[in-house]
Amino acid sequence: MYHRFITVFLLCPLLVHAAEVQRKFNPQTGIESVQVEHPGFSLKLQPLSPDFVAAVFSARGLPEDIVDATRHYCVFGTILKNTGQRPLHYDLKDWRYVTPDGKTHHLKTKTQWLEEWKNRSLAFRWVLLYEEQTYQPGDWGQGFTTLPVPAGSQFDLYYSWTQGGKRYEDKIKAVHCAPAKAPGG
């Protein structure tokens, strides 16, 4: 009996740090957003349709080849928030996604996009999520995150952050990219 009490007592702090995952599916668009709440950290992934992303890039005057290239990526509007009392640091270079075939891949970062565009005289970088930042309590940021997988793909996302001198890691299972076209479209 004493050992069960000690085991439950020791596991309680682990339960407090467990993430709450909320999924919202819109049947009209076929898009499922995901929001994860950790103590001190919030992450939201809003899948963006290929047509929407292309329209954003096209409306800003980007060359047609870049606009077309974005159609071959899974793009999320990503929002990160420091909801805690200590600085929060993230680095997208540490984040990974695993496709259903079991292969691990890296996200395409802002630095990689800018390197690809460096000889193009493009001043369009504000829409992409900074790949590494530190947020003070109450700070937040947003931007596009990109994965080189087709529309409608599914994957597991492994993400990490540091807060209060401790590194945290977690996984969101079965994240869905926006479909190429809305249902019935």
N, C-alpha and C. Protein backbone atom coordinates (compact mmCIF):
# COMPACT_ATOMS: atom_id res chain seq x y z
N MET A 1 0.82 -1.19 0.00
CA MET A 1 0.00 0.00 0.00
C MET A 1 0.87 1.25 0.00
N TYR A 2 1.89 1.27 0.82
CA TYR A 2 2.80 2.41 0.91
C TYR A 2 3.47 2.67 -0.44
N HIS A 3 3.86 1.59 -1.16
CA HIS A 3 4.53 1.74 -2.45
C HIS A 3 3.59 2.34 -3.50
N ARG A 4 2.30 1.98 -3.45
CA ARG A 4 1.34 2.56 -4.39
C ARG A 4 1.17 4.05 -4.14
N PHE A 5 1.15 4.45 -2.89
CA PHE A 5 1.03 5.87 -2.56
C PHE A 5 2.24 6.64 -3.08
N ILE A 6 3.43 6.11 -2.89
CA ILE A 6 4.66 6.76 -3.36
C ILE A 6 4.65 6.85 -4.88
N THR A 7 4.24 5.77 -5.57
CA THR A 7 4.20 5.77 -7.02
C THR A 7 3.23 6.83 -7.52
N VAL A 8 2.03 6.91 -6.99
CA VAL A 8 1.05 7.91 -7.39
C VAL A 8 1.57 9.31 -7.09
N PHE A 9 2.19 9.51 -5.95
CA PHE A 9 2.72 10.81 -5.56
C PHE A 9 3.81 11.25 -6.54
N LEU A 10 4.66 10.34 -6.95
CA LEU A 10 5.75 10.68 -7.86
C LEU A 10 5.25 10.94 -9.28
N LEU A 11 4.16 10.31 -9.69
CA LEU A 11 3.63 10.51 -11.03
C LEU A 11 2.79 11.77 -11.17
N CYS A 12 2.29 12.30 -10.10
CA CYS A 12 1.44 13.49 -10.17
C CYS A 12 2.10 14.66 -10.88
N PRO A 13 3.36 14.99 -10.60
CA PRO A 13 3.98 16.10 -11.33
C PRO A 13 4.04 15.85 -12.83
N LEU A 14 4.16 14.61 -13.28
CA LEU A 14 4.19 14.32 -14.70
C LEU A 14 2.83 14.59 -15.33
N LEU A 15 1.78 14.31 -14.63
CA LEU A 15 0.44 14.54 -15.15
C LEU A 15 0.16 16.03 -15.30
N VAL A 16 0.68 16.85 -14.41
CA VAL A 16 0.46 18.29 -14.46
C VAL A 16 1.07 18.87 -15.74
N HIS A 17 2.18 18.31 -16.22
CA HIS A 17 2.85 18.83 -17.40
C HIS A 17 2.32 18.24 -18.71
N ALA A 18 1.35 17.37 -18.63
CA ALA A 18 0.80 16.75 -19.84
C ALA A 18 0.12 17.81 -20.70
N ALA A 19 0.21 17.64 -22.01
CA ALA A 19 -0.37 18.59 -22.95
C ALA A 19 -1.85 18.30 -23.17
N GLU A 20 -2.58 19.35 -23.38
CA GLU A 20 -3.97 19.24 -23.78
C GLU A 20 -4.04 19.54 -25.27
N VAL A 21 -4.49 18.57 -26.06
CA VAL A 21 -4.56 18.73 -27.51
C VAL A 21 -6.02 18.96 -27.90
N GLN A 22 -6.24 20.03 -28.64
CA GLN A 22 -7.58 20.34 -29.13
C GLN A 22 -7.55 20.33 -30.65
N ARG A 23 -8.49 19.63 -31.24
CA ARG A 23 -8.60 19.56 -32.70
C ARG A 23 -9.96 20.11 -33.11
N LYS A 24 -9.94 20.92 -34.17
CA LYS A 24 -11.19 21.46 -34.70
C LYS A 24 -11.23 21.18 -36.19
N PHE A 25 -12.25 20.43 -36.60
CA PHE A 25 -12.40 20.07 -38.01
C PHE A 25 -13.51 20.88 -38.64
N ASN A 26 -13.21 21.48 -39.79
CA ASN A 26 -14.20 22.23 -40.55
C ASN A 26 -14.60 21.38 -41.76
N PRO A 27 -15.80 20.80 -41.76
CA PRO A 27 -16.20 19.92 -42.87
C PRO A 27 -16.33 20.66 -44.20
N GLN A 28 -16.56 21.97 -44.17
CA GLN A 28 -16.69 22.72 -45.42
C GLN A 28 -15.35 22.88 -46.14
N THR A 29 -14.27 23.00 -45.36
CA THR A 29 -12.94 23.19 -45.96
C THR A 29 -12.12 21.90 -45.96
N GLY A 30 -12.51 20.94 -45.11
CA GLY A 30 -11.72 19.72 -44.96
C GLY A 30 -10.45 19.93 -44.15
N ILE A 31 -10.40 21.05 -43.41
CA ILE A 31 -9.19 21.41 -42.66
C ILE A 31 -9.40 21.16 -41.17
N GLU A 32 -8.39 20.53 -40.56
CA GLU A 32 -8.39 20.30 -39.12
C GLU A 32 -7.24 21.08 -38.49
N SER A 33 -7.58 22.04 -37.63
CA SER A 33 -6.55 22.78 -36.90
C SER A 33 -6.26 22.03 -35.60
N VAL A 34 -5.05 22.25 -35.09
CA VAL A 34 -4.61 21.59 -33.87
C VAL A 34 -4.02 22.65 -32.95
N GLN A 35 -4.44 22.61 -31.69
CA GLN A 35 -3.85 23.49 -30.68
C GLN A 35 -3.44 22.65 -29.49
N VAL A 36 -2.22 22.90 -29.02
CA VAL A 36 -1.67 22.17 -27.88
C VAL A 36 -1.36 23.17 -26.79
N GLU A 37 -1.83 22.87 -25.58
CA GLU A 37 -1.58 23.73 -24.42
C GLU A 37 -0.74 22.98 -23.41
N HIS A 38 0.45 23.49 -23.17
CA HIS A 38 1.33 22.99 -22.12
C HIS A 38 1.36 24.05 -21.03
N PRO A 39 1.71 23.70 -19.81
CA PRO A 39 1.93 24.74 -18.80
C PRO A 39 3.04 25.67 -19.29
N GLY A 40 2.71 26.92 -19.58
CA GLY A 40 3.70 27.91 -20.00
C GLY A 40 3.91 28.02 -21.49
N PHE A 41 3.28 27.16 -22.31
CA PHE A 41 3.54 27.17 -23.75
C PHE A 41 2.30 26.73 -24.51
N SER A 42 1.99 27.46 -25.57
CA SER A 42 0.86 27.12 -26.43
C SER A 42 1.35 27.09 -27.88
N LEU A 43 0.88 26.10 -28.64
CA LEU A 43 1.22 25.94 -30.04
C LEU A 43 -0.05 25.67 -30.82
N LYS A 44 -0.27 26.46 -31.88
CA LYS A 44 -1.42 26.22 -32.75
C LYS A 44 -0.93 26.05 -34.17
N LEU A 45 -1.47 25.03 -34.85
CA LEU A 45 -1.17 24.75 -36.25
C LEU A 45 -2.48 24.88 -37.03
N GLN A 46 -2.53 25.86 -37.92
CA GLN A 46 -3.70 26.06 -38.77
C GLN A 46 -3.31 25.72 -40.21
N PRO A 47 -3.73 24.54 -40.72
CA PRO A 47 -3.38 24.19 -42.10
C PRO A 47 -3.94 25.21 -43.08
N LEU A 48 -3.12 25.56 -44.06
CA LEU A 48 -3.51 26.53 -45.07
C LEU A 48 -3.59 25.85 -46.43
N SER A 49 -4.64 26.12 -47.16
CA SER A 49 -4.82 25.47 -48.46
C SER A 49 -3.76 25.97 -49.45
N PRO A 50 -3.37 25.11 -50.38
CA PRO A 50 -2.39 25.53 -51.40
C PRO A 50 -2.84 26.78 -52.17
N ASP A 51 -4.13 26.89 -52.46
CA ASP A 51 -4.63 28.07 -53.18
C ASP A 51 -4.48 29.34 -52.33
N PHE A 52 -4.74 29.25 -51.03
CA PHE A 52 -4.60 30.40 -50.16
C PHE A 52 -3.15 30.85 -50.10
N VAL A 53 -2.24 29.91 -49.90
CA VAL A 53 -0.82 30.24 -49.79
C VAL A 53 -0.33 30.86 -51.10
N ALA A 54 -0.72 30.27 -52.23
CA ALA A 54 -0.33 30.82 -53.52
C ALA A 54 -0.87 32.24 -53.69
N ALA A 55 -2.10 32.48 -53.24
CA ALA A 55 -2.68 33.81 -53.36
C ALA A 55 -1.92 34.83 -52.51
N VAL A 56 -1.50 34.42 -51.30
CA VAL A 56 -0.73 35.32 -50.43
C VAL A 56 0.57 35.71 -51.12
N PHE A 57 1.30 34.73 -51.65
CA PHE A 57 2.57 35.01 -52.30
C PHE A 57 2.37 35.80 -53.60
N SER A 58 1.36 35.45 -54.37
CA SER A 58 1.09 36.13 -55.64
C SER A 58 0.68 37.58 -55.40
N ALA A 59 -0.15 37.83 -54.41
CA ALA A 59 -0.61 39.19 -54.11
C ALA A 59 0.53 40.11 -53.70
N ARG A 60 1.63 39.53 -53.24
CA ARG A 60 2.79 40.32 -52.84
C ARG A 60 3.79 40.49 -53.98
N GLY A 61 3.40 40.01 -55.18
CA GLY A 61 4.22 40.22 -56.36
C GLY A 61 5.37 39.25 -56.53
N LEU A 62 5.32 38.09 -55.83
CA LEU A 62 6.41 37.13 -56.02
C LEU A 62 6.32 36.49 -57.39
N PRO A 63 7.47 36.10 -57.95
CA PRO A 63 7.48 35.46 -59.27
C PRO A 63 6.63 34.19 -59.30
N GLU A 64 6.07 33.92 -60.45
CA GLU A 64 5.17 32.78 -60.62
C GLU A 64 5.82 31.45 -60.25
N ASP A 65 7.11 31.29 -60.51
CA ASP A 65 7.77 30.02 -60.19
C ASP A 65 7.80 29.78 -58.68
N ILE A 66 7.96 30.84 -57.90
CA ILE A 66 7.93 30.69 -56.43
C ILE A 66 6.51 30.39 -55.97
N VAL A 67 5.54 31.11 -56.54
CA VAL A 67 4.14 30.87 -56.20
C VAL A 67 3.79 29.41 -56.49
N ASP A 68 4.18 28.91 -57.66
CA ASP A 68 3.90 27.51 -58.02
C ASP A 68 4.61 26.53 -57.10
N ALA A 69 5.84 26.86 -56.70
CA ALA A 69 6.60 25.96 -55.81
C ALA A 69 5.91 25.78 -54.47
N THR A 70 5.22 26.82 -53.99
CA THR A 70 4.55 26.70 -52.68
C THR A 70 3.41 25.69 -52.72
N ARG A 71 2.88 25.43 -53.88
CA ARG A 71 1.78 24.46 -54.00
C ARG A 71 2.23 23.03 -53.68
N HIS A 72 3.52 22.80 -53.67
CA HIS A 72 4.06 21.46 -53.40
C HIS A 72 4.47 21.31 -51.94
N TYR A 73 4.04 22.23 -51.09
CA TYR A 73 4.37 22.19 -49.67
C TYR A 73 3.10 22.15 -48.85
N CYS A 74 3.23 21.54 -47.70
CA CYS A 74 2.20 21.60 -46.68
C CYS A 74 2.54 22.83 -45.84
N VAL A 75 1.62 23.77 -45.74
CA VAL A 75 1.89 25.03 -45.05
C VAL A 75 0.90 25.21 -43.91
N PHE A 76 1.44 25.66 -42.78
CA PHE A 76 0.62 25.95 -41.60
C PHE A 76 0.80 27.40 -41.19
N GLY A 77 -0.28 28.02 -40.79
CA GLY A 77 -0.19 29.25 -40.03
C GLY A 77 0.09 28.79 -38.61
N THR A 78 1.25 29.12 -38.09
CA THR A 78 1.69 28.62 -36.78
C THR A 78 1.74 29.76 -35.79
N ILE A 79 1.17 29.53 -34.61
CA ILE A 79 1.19 30.53 -33.54
C ILE A 79 1.82 29.89 -32.31
N LEU A 80 2.86 30.53 -31.79
CA LEU A 80 3.53 30.10 -30.57
C LEU A 80 3.33 31.17 -29.51
N LYS A 81 3.01 30.76 -28.29
CA LYS A 81 2.80 31.72 -27.20
C LYS A 81 3.52 31.28 -25.94
N ASN A 82 4.12 32.24 -25.26
CA ASN A 82 4.67 32.00 -23.93
C ASN A 82 3.59 32.38 -22.93
N THR A 83 2.95 31.39 -22.36
CA THR A 83 1.89 31.63 -21.38
C THR A 83 2.40 31.45 -19.95
N GLY A 84 3.72 31.31 -19.82
CA GLY A 84 4.33 31.08 -18.51
C GLY A 84 4.94 32.34 -17.92
N GLN A 85 5.71 32.13 -16.87
CA GLN A 85 6.34 33.23 -16.14
C GLN A 85 7.84 33.35 -16.41
N ARG A 86 8.37 32.47 -17.25
CA ARG A 86 9.81 32.49 -17.57
C ARG A 86 9.99 32.55 -19.07
N PRO A 87 11.15 33.05 -19.53
CA PRO A 87 11.40 33.09 -20.98
C PRO A 87 11.27 31.71 -21.61
N LEU A 88 10.80 31.70 -22.84
CA LEU A 88 10.60 30.48 -23.61
C LEU A 88 11.42 30.60 -24.88
N HIS A 89 12.16 29.54 -25.22
CA HIS A 89 12.98 29.52 -26.43
C HIS A 89 12.58 28.32 -27.28
N TYR A 90 12.47 28.53 -28.59
CA TYR A 90 12.24 27.42 -29.50
C TYR A 90 13.21 27.54 -30.67
N ASP A 91 13.46 26.42 -31.33
CA ASP A 91 14.32 26.38 -32.51
C ASP A 91 13.73 25.36 -33.48
N LEU A 92 13.16 25.83 -34.58
CA LEU A 92 12.51 24.93 -35.53
C LEU A 92 13.48 23.93 -36.17
N LYS A 93 14.77 24.23 -36.13
CA LYS A 93 15.74 23.26 -36.67
C LYS A 93 15.74 21.97 -35.87
N ASP A 94 15.26 22.02 -34.63
CA ASP A 94 15.17 20.82 -33.78
C ASP A 94 13.86 20.06 -33.97
N TRP A 95 12.90 20.67 -34.64
CA TRP A 95 11.61 20.02 -34.83
C TRP A 95 11.70 19.03 -35.99
N ARG A 96 10.93 17.95 -35.88
CA ARG A 96 10.92 16.90 -36.90
C ARG A 96 9.47 16.47 -37.17
N TYR A 97 9.29 15.88 -38.32
CA TYR A 97 8.01 15.23 -38.58
C TYR A 97 8.28 13.84 -39.14
N VAL A 98 7.39 12.93 -38.80
CA VAL A 98 7.53 11.54 -39.24
C VAL A 98 6.31 11.19 -40.09
N THR A 99 6.58 10.77 -41.30
CA THR A 99 5.53 10.40 -42.24
C THR A 99 5.07 8.97 -41.97
N PRO A 100 3.92 8.56 -42.50
CA PRO A 100 3.40 7.21 -42.24
C PRO A 100 4.35 6.08 -42.61
N ASP A 101 5.32 6.33 -43.48
CA ASP A 101 6.29 5.29 -43.82
C ASP A 101 7.39 5.14 -42.77
N GLY A 102 7.31 5.94 -41.70
CA GLY A 102 8.27 5.85 -40.60
C GLY A 102 9.52 6.71 -40.78
N LYS A 103 9.62 7.44 -41.88
CA LYS A 103 10.80 8.27 -42.14
C LYS A 103 10.69 9.61 -41.42
N THR A 104 11.83 10.06 -40.89
CA THR A 104 11.91 11.33 -40.18
C THR A 104 12.44 12.41 -41.12
N HIS A 105 11.81 13.58 -41.07
CA HIS A 105 12.16 14.69 -41.95
C HIS A 105 12.26 15.99 -41.14
N HIS A 106 12.88 17.00 -41.76
CA HIS A 106 12.99 18.33 -41.17
C HIS A 106 11.99 19.29 -41.83
N LEU A 107 11.54 20.27 -41.09
CA LEU A 107 10.75 21.33 -41.67
C LEU A 107 11.66 22.17 -42.56
N LYS A 108 11.09 22.85 -43.54
CA LYS A 108 11.88 23.79 -44.33
C LYS A 108 11.82 25.12 -43.60
N THR A 109 12.96 25.62 -43.21
CA THR A 109 13.02 26.82 -42.37
C THR A 109 13.07 28.11 -43.19
N LYS A 110 12.84 29.20 -42.49
CA LYS A 110 12.92 30.52 -43.10
C LYS A 110 14.30 30.74 -43.73
N THR A 111 15.36 30.35 -43.02
CA THR A 111 16.72 30.50 -43.54
C THR A 111 16.89 29.74 -44.85
N GLN A 112 16.33 28.54 -44.93
CA GLN A 112 16.44 27.76 -46.17
C GLN A 112 15.69 28.43 -47.32
N TRP A 113 14.50 28.96 -47.04
CA TRP A 113 13.76 29.69 -48.08
C TRP A 113 14.56 30.91 -48.54
N LEU A 114 15.08 31.67 -47.59
CA LEU A 114 15.81 32.89 -47.95
C LEU A 114 17.08 32.56 -48.74
N GLU A 115 17.73 31.47 -48.39
CA GLU A 115 18.91 31.03 -49.14
C GLU A 115 18.52 30.70 -50.58
N GLU A 116 17.40 30.03 -50.73
CA GLU A 116 16.90 29.68 -52.06
C GLU A 116 16.56 30.93 -52.88
N TRP A 117 16.09 31.98 -52.20
CA TRP A 117 15.65 33.19 -52.88
C TRP A 117 16.73 34.28 -52.93
N LYS A 118 17.91 34.05 -52.39
CA LYS A 118 18.88 35.13 -52.16
C LYS A 118 19.28 35.89 -53.42
N ASN A 119 19.30 35.26 -54.55
CA ASN A 119 19.70 35.95 -55.78
C ASN A 119 18.50 36.51 -56.54
N ARG A 120 17.36 36.57 -55.88
CA ARG A 120 16.12 36.99 -56.55
C ARG A 120 15.68 38.39 -56.15
N SER A 121 16.40 39.07 -55.27
CA SER A 121 16.04 40.42 -54.81
C SER A 121 14.61 40.48 -54.27
N LEU A 122 14.27 39.49 -53.47
CA LEU A 122 12.93 39.43 -52.88
C LEU A 122 12.99 39.95 -51.45
N ALA A 123 12.08 40.81 -51.12
CA ALA A 123 12.03 41.35 -49.76
C ALA A 123 10.80 40.81 -49.05
N PHE A 124 10.49 39.57 -49.28
CA PHE A 124 9.27 38.99 -48.72
C PHE A 124 9.65 37.88 -47.77
N ARG A 125 9.89 38.25 -46.53
CA ARG A 125 10.26 37.23 -45.56
C ARG A 125 9.42 37.28 -44.30
N TRP A 126 8.64 38.33 -44.14
CA TRP A 126 7.90 38.52 -42.90
C TRP A 126 6.85 37.46 -42.65
N VAL A 127 6.33 36.80 -43.69
CA VAL A 127 5.25 35.83 -43.52
C VAL A 127 5.74 34.50 -42.93
N LEU A 128 7.04 34.22 -43.04
CA LEU A 128 7.58 32.95 -42.55
C LEU A 128 7.93 33.04 -41.07
N LEU A 129 7.60 31.99 -40.33
CA LEU A 129 7.89 31.96 -38.89
C LEU A 129 9.41 31.97 -38.68
N TYR A 130 9.87 32.83 -37.78
CA TYR A 130 11.29 32.83 -37.44
C TYR A 130 11.65 31.45 -36.92
N GLU A 131 12.77 30.93 -37.37
CA GLU A 131 13.10 29.55 -36.99
C GLU A 131 13.60 29.42 -35.57
N GLU A 132 14.07 30.51 -34.98
CA GLU A 132 14.55 30.44 -33.60
C GLU A 132 14.28 31.78 -32.92
N GLN A 133 13.61 31.72 -31.78
CA GLN A 133 13.32 32.94 -31.03
C GLN A 133 13.19 32.63 -29.55
N THR A 134 13.32 33.68 -28.76
CA THR A 134 13.05 33.61 -27.33
C THR A 134 11.94 34.60 -27.04
N TYR A 135 10.89 34.12 -26.38
CA TYR A 135 9.75 34.95 -26.01
C TYR A 135 9.76 35.18 -24.50
N GLN A 136 9.56 36.40 -24.12
CA GLN A 136 9.39 36.73 -22.71
C GLN A 136 7.95 36.37 -22.31
N PRO A 137 7.66 36.29 -21.01
CA PRO A 137 6.29 35.97 -20.59
C PRO A 137 5.27 36.89 -21.27
N GLY A 138 4.25 36.27 -21.83
CA GLY A 138 3.20 37.01 -22.52
C GLY A 138 3.47 37.24 -24.00
N ASP A 139 4.70 37.04 -24.46
CA ASP A 139 5.03 37.24 -25.88
C ASP A 139 4.50 36.10 -26.73
N TRP A 140 4.32 36.38 -28.01
CA TRP A 140 3.89 35.36 -28.94
C TRP A 140 4.36 35.76 -30.34
N GLY A 141 4.32 34.79 -31.24
CA GLY A 141 4.69 35.04 -32.62
C GLY A 141 3.91 34.13 -33.54
N GLN A 142 3.87 34.52 -34.80
CA GLN A 142 3.16 33.71 -35.77
C GLN A 142 3.83 33.81 -37.13
N GLY A 143 3.58 32.84 -37.97
CA GLY A 143 4.10 32.84 -39.31
C GLY A 143 3.86 31.49 -39.96
N PHE A 144 4.20 31.41 -41.24
CA PHE A 144 4.04 30.16 -41.96
C PHE A 144 5.18 29.21 -41.61
N THR A 145 4.83 27.95 -41.40
CA THR A 145 5.82 26.87 -41.34
C THR A 145 5.52 25.95 -42.51
N THR A 146 6.60 25.39 -43.09
CA THR A 146 6.44 24.63 -44.33
C THR A 146 7.10 23.26 -44.22
N LEU A 147 6.42 22.29 -44.80
CA LEU A 147 6.93 20.92 -44.88
C LEU A 147 6.85 20.48 -46.34
N PRO A 148 7.92 19.91 -46.87
CA PRO A 148 7.90 19.48 -48.27
C PRO A 148 7.16 18.16 -48.48
N VAL A 149 5.86 18.18 -48.19
CA VAL A 149 4.97 17.04 -48.46
C VAL A 149 3.73 17.58 -49.15
N PRO A 150 3.04 16.75 -49.91
CA PRO A 150 1.88 17.24 -50.66
C PRO A 150 0.68 17.54 -49.78
N ALA A 151 -0.21 18.35 -50.35
CA ALA A 151 -1.49 18.66 -49.69
C ALA A 151 -2.18 17.36 -49.30
N GLY A 152 -2.88 17.39 -48.16
CA GLY A 152 -3.62 16.22 -47.69
C GLY A 152 -2.79 15.20 -46.95
N SER A 153 -1.47 15.41 -46.86
CA SER A 153 -0.60 14.45 -46.16
C SER A 153 -0.88 14.45 -44.66
N GLN A 154 -0.47 13.37 -44.03
CA GLN A 154 -0.57 13.23 -42.56
C GLN A 154 0.81 12.89 -42.02
N PHE A 155 1.10 13.37 -40.80
CA PHE A 155 2.39 13.10 -40.17
C PHE A 155 2.27 13.30 -38.67
N ASP A 156 3.27 12.85 -37.95
CA ASP A 156 3.40 13.12 -36.52
C ASP A 156 4.46 14.21 -36.37
N LEU A 157 4.17 15.22 -35.57
CA LEU A 157 5.11 16.33 -35.36
C LEU A 157 5.78 16.18 -34.00
N TYR A 158 7.11 16.21 -34.01
CA TYR A 158 7.92 16.19 -32.79
C TYR A 158 8.48 17.60 -32.61
N TYR A 159 8.15 18.23 -31.51
CA TYR A 159 8.56 19.61 -31.28
C TYR A 159 9.18 19.74 -29.89
N SER A 160 9.95 20.82 -29.73
CA SER A 160 10.62 21.02 -28.45
C SER A 160 10.73 22.51 -28.16
N TRP A 161 10.96 22.82 -26.89
CA TRP A 161 11.18 24.18 -26.45
C TRP A 161 11.91 24.13 -25.12
N THR A 162 12.49 25.26 -24.74
CA THR A 162 13.18 25.38 -23.46
C THR A 162 12.51 26.50 -22.67
N GLN A 163 12.27 26.23 -21.41
CA GLN A 163 11.64 27.23 -20.55
C GLN A 163 12.10 27.02 -19.13
N GLY A 164 12.51 28.10 -18.49
CA GLY A 164 12.97 27.98 -17.10
C GLY A 164 14.19 27.09 -16.97
N GLY A 165 15.05 27.07 -17.99
CA GLY A 165 16.26 26.25 -17.95
C GLY A 165 16.03 24.77 -18.22
N LYS A 166 14.79 24.38 -18.53
CA LYS A 166 14.49 22.97 -18.80
C LYS A 166 14.05 22.81 -20.25
N ARG A 167 14.52 21.74 -20.86
CA ARG A 167 14.12 21.43 -22.24
C ARG A 167 12.93 20.47 -22.20
N TYR A 168 11.94 20.77 -23.01
CA TYR A 168 10.74 19.94 -23.11
C TYR A 168 10.59 19.46 -24.55
N GLU A 169 10.06 18.26 -24.69
CA GLU A 169 9.77 17.69 -26.00
C GLU A 169 8.40 17.04 -25.95
N ASP A 170 7.72 17.07 -27.08
CA ASP A 170 6.43 16.39 -27.16
C ASP A 170 6.14 16.05 -28.61
N LYS A 171 5.02 15.39 -28.81
CA LYS A 171 4.62 14.93 -30.14
C LYS A 171 3.12 15.17 -30.31
N ILE A 172 2.76 15.60 -31.50
CA ILE A 172 1.35 15.67 -31.89
C ILE A 172 1.16 14.59 -32.95
N LYS A 173 0.30 13.64 -32.67
CA LYS A 173 0.05 12.55 -33.62
C LYS A 173 -0.98 12.98 -34.66
N ALA A 174 -0.81 12.44 -35.83
CA ALA A 174 -1.79 12.56 -36.92
C ALA A 174 -2.17 14.01 -37.24
N VAL A 175 -1.17 14.82 -37.52
CA VAL A 175 -1.41 16.18 -38.00
C VAL A 175 -1.72 16.08 -39.49
N HIS A 176 -2.72 16.82 -39.95
CA HIS A 176 -3.15 16.74 -41.35
C HIS A 176 -2.86 18.06 -42.06
N CYS A 177 -2.26 17.95 -43.23
CA CYS A 177 -2.10 19.11 -44.10
C CYS A 177 -3.48 19.42 -44.71
N ALA A 178 -3.65 20.66 -45.12
CA ALA A 178 -4.90 21.03 -45.79
C ALA A 178 -5.02 20.22 -47.08
N PRO A 179 -6.26 19.88 -47.47
CA PRO A 179 -6.42 19.17 -48.74
C PRO A 179 -6.13 20.11 -49.91
N ALA A 180 -5.85 19.53 -51.07
CA ALA A 180 -5.56 20.33 -52.26
C ALA A 180 -6.78 21.19 -52.62
N LYS A 181 -7.96 20.63 -52.46
CA LYS A 181 -9.21 21.34 -52.73
C LYS A 181 -10.20 21.03 -51.63
N ALA A 182 -11.10 21.96 -51.33
CA ALA A 182 -12.13 21.74 -50.34
C ALA A 182 -13.05 20.60 -50.81
N PRO A 183 -13.64 19.89 -49.86
CA PRO A 183 -14.56 18.80 -50.23
C PRO A 183 -15.66 19.34 -51.18
N GLY A 184 -15.88 18.60 -52.23
CA GLY A 184 -16.89 19.02 -53.20
C GLY A 184 -16.39 20.13 -54.14
N GLY A 185 -15.08 20.52 -53.98
CA GLY A 185 -14.56 21.63 -54.78
C GLY A 185 -13.84 21.25 -55.99
